[in-house]
C-alpha atoms as a PDB file:
ATOM      1  CA  MET A   1     -56.455 -20.461  33.711  1.00  0.00           C
ATOM      2  CA  THR A   2     -55.198 -20.830  30.136  1.00  0.00           C
ATOM      3  CA  LEU A   3     -52.269 -18.812  28.846  1.00  0.00           C
ATOM      4  CA  GLN A   4     -52.190 -17.939  25.161  1.00  0.00           C
ATOM      5  CA  GLU A   5     -48.942 -17.713  23.228  1.00  0.00           C
ATOM      6  CA  TYR A   6     -48.449 -16.655  19.623  1.00  0.00           C
ATOM      7  CA  TYR A   7     -45.555 -17.573  17.343  1.00  0.00           C
ATOM      8  CA  ILE A   8     -44.597 -16.713  13.795  1.00  0.00           C
ATOM      9  CA  VAL A   9     -42.984 -19.555  11.841  1.00  0.00           C
ATOM     10  CA  TYR A  10     -40.698 -18.368   9.054  1.00  0.00           C
ATOM     11  CA  PRO A  11     -40.202 -20.258   5.770  1.00  0.00           C
ATOM     12  CA  ASP A  12     -36.879 -21.719   6.996  1.00  0.00           C
ATOM     13  CA  GLY A  13     -38.607 -23.180  10.082  1.00  0.00           C
ATOM     14  CA  ASP A  14     -37.361 -20.646  12.650  1.00  0.00           C
ATOM     15  CA  GLN A  15     -39.956 -19.506  15.187  1.00  0.00           C
ATOM     16  CA  GLN A  16     -40.322 -16.279  17.116  1.00  0.00           C
ATOM     17  CA  GLU A  17     -42.847 -15.426  19.795  1.00  0.00           C
ATOM     18  CA  ILE A  18     -45.036 -12.435  18.875  1.00  0.00           C
ATOM     19  CA  GLU A  19     -47.216 -10.148  20.954  1.00  0.00           C
ATOM     20  CA  SER A  20     -50.650 -10.551  19.397  1.00  0.00           C
ATOM     21  CA  PRO A  21     -52.686 -12.863  17.161  1.00  0.00           C
ATOM     22  CA  LEU A  22     -52.604 -12.581  13.370  1.00  0.00           C
ATOM     23  CA  ARG A  23     -54.925 -13.758  10.617  1.00  0.00           C
ATOM     24  CA  VAL A  24     -54.493 -15.602   7.330  1.00  0.00           C
ATOM     25  CA  ASN A  25     -53.381 -13.313   4.453  1.00  0.00           C
ATOM     26  CA  GLN A  26     -52.241 -10.598   6.862  1.00  0.00           C
ATOM     27  CA  VAL A  27     -48.961  -8.938   5.838  1.00  0.00           C
ATOM     28  CA  VAL A  28     -46.356  -8.576   8.573  1.00  0.00           C
ATOM     29  CA  ASP A  29     -42.814  -7.253   8.927  1.00  0.00           C
ATOM     30  CA  LEU A  30     -39.719  -9.232   9.894  1.00  0.00           C
ATOM     31  CA  ASN A  31     -40.758  -9.189  13.569  1.00  0.00           C
ATOM     32  CA  GLY A  32     -44.340 -10.342  12.981  1.00  0.00           C
ATOM     33  CA  ARG A  33     -45.921  -6.905  13.376  1.00  0.00           C
ATOM     34  CA  PRO A  34     -48.788  -6.110  10.978  1.00  0.00           C
ATOM     35  CA  LEU A  35     -47.984  -3.741   8.105  1.00  0.00           C
ATOM     36  CA  ARG A  36     -50.298  -1.164   6.642  1.00  0.00           C
ATOM     37  CA  PRO A  37     -50.392  -0.876   2.840  1.00  0.00           C
ATOM     38  CA  SER A  38     -49.355   2.777   2.879  1.00  0.00           C
ATOM     39  CA  TRP A  39     -45.703   2.561   3.924  1.00  0.00           C
ATOM     40  CA  PRO A  40     -43.248   4.842   2.041  1.00  0.00           C
ATOM     41  CA  ALA A  41     -41.385   2.220  -0.027  1.00  0.00           C
ATOM     42  CA  PRO A  42     -42.225  -1.399  -0.777  1.00  0.00           C
ATOM     43  CA  ARG A  43     -38.549  -2.411  -0.548  1.00  0.00           C
ATOM     44  CA  ILE A  44     -38.756  -4.088   2.818  1.00  0.00           C
ATOM     45  CA  ILE A  45     -38.810  -7.676   4.005  1.00  0.00           C
ATOM     46  CA  ALA A  46     -42.428  -8.683   4.439  1.00  0.00           C
ATOM     47  CA  TYR A  47     -44.305 -11.920   4.955  1.00  0.00           C
ATOM     48  CA  ARG A  48     -47.874 -13.015   4.308  1.00  0.00           C
ATOM     49  CA  ILE A  49     -49.489 -15.354   6.831  1.00  0.00           C
ATOM     50  CA  CYS A  50     -50.550 -18.451   4.891  1.00  0.00           C
ATOM     51  CA  LYS A  51     -51.540 -20.944   7.611  1.00  0.00           C
ATOM     52  CA  VAL A  52     -52.494 -21.040  11.286  1.00  0.00           C
ATOM     53  CA  ARG A  53     -52.032 -24.054  13.558  1.00  0.00           C
ATOM     54  CA  THR A  54     -53.212 -24.290  17.160  1.00  0.00           C
ATOM     55  CA  THR A  55     -51.909 -26.631  19.842  1.00  0.00           C
ATOM     56  CA  GLU A  56     -53.259 -27.057  23.324  1.00  0.00           C
ATOM     57  CA  GLU A  57     -51.407 -28.406  26.338  1.00  0.00           C
ATOM     58  CA  ARG A  58     -52.157 -28.236  30.014  1.00  0.00           C
ATOM     59  CA  GLY A  59     -52.698 -24.531  30.684  1.00  0.00           C
ATOM     60  CA  PHE A  60     -51.323 -23.328  27.325  1.00  0.00           C
ATOM     61  CA  LEU A  61     -52.958 -22.497  24.022  1.00  0.00           C
ATOM     62  CA  ARG A  62     -50.310 -21.880  21.362  1.00  0.00           C
ATOM     63  CA  ARG A  63     -51.006 -20.483  17.919  1.00  0.00           C
ATOM     64  CA  PHE A  64     -48.426 -20.825  15.169  1.00  0.00           C
ATOM     65  CA  TYR A  65     -48.692 -18.449  12.209  1.00  0.00           C
ATOM     66  CA  TYR A  66     -46.862 -19.756   9.154  1.00  0.00           C
ATOM     67  CA  ALA A  67     -45.357 -17.035   6.981  1.00  0.00           C
ATOM     68  CA  GLU A  68     -44.345 -16.975   3.334  1.00  0.00           C
ATOM     69  CA  LEU A  69     -41.887 -14.414   2.026  1.00  0.00           C
ATOM     70  CA  MET A  70     -43.436 -11.861  -0.317  1.00  0.00           C
ATOM     71  CA  ASN A  71     -41.604 -10.988  -3.533  1.00  0.00           C
ATOM     72  CA  MET A  72     -41.164  -7.462  -4.909  1.00  0.00           C
ATOM     73  CA  GLU A  73     -44.167  -7.713  -7.238  1.00  0.00           C
ATOM     74  CA  GLN A  74     -46.462  -8.812  -4.401  1.00  0.00           C
ATOM     75  CA  LEU A  75     -45.168  -5.994  -2.173  1.00  0.00           C
ATOM     76  CA  GLU A  76     -45.744  -3.371  -4.852  1.00  0.00           C
ATOM     77  CA  SER A  77     -49.286  -4.638  -5.423  1.00  0.00           C
ATOM     78  CA  TYR A  78     -49.939  -4.602  -1.675  1.00  0.00           C
ATOM     79  CA  ALA A  79     -48.572  -1.044  -1.368  1.00  0.00           C
ATOM     80  CA  ARG A  80     -50.815   0.132  -4.244  1.00  0.00           C
ATOM     81  CA  HIS A  81     -54.006  -1.767  -3.524  1.00  0.00           C
ATOM     82  CA  GLY A  82     -53.750  -3.118   0.004  1.00  0.00           C
ATOM     83  CA  GLU A  83     -54.239  -6.689  -1.295  1.00  0.00           C
END
């Protein structure tokens, strides 16, 4: 039996375990939860997943999702267009 674990890796190198897998270019909140483009205000802390790395050890498959901080312009574009 193989257990799967998922982690978000923040720009400063900190890691946090998350509940479910993500994909490259997905936008997530501070806790690694996916965001929808239609939130009320784009003035939140959000990250875009830019890289995925997988490691495998005896009985464990770990996926690391590397996040980059989105700036205000990127957030506004995402809120308007979902890009």
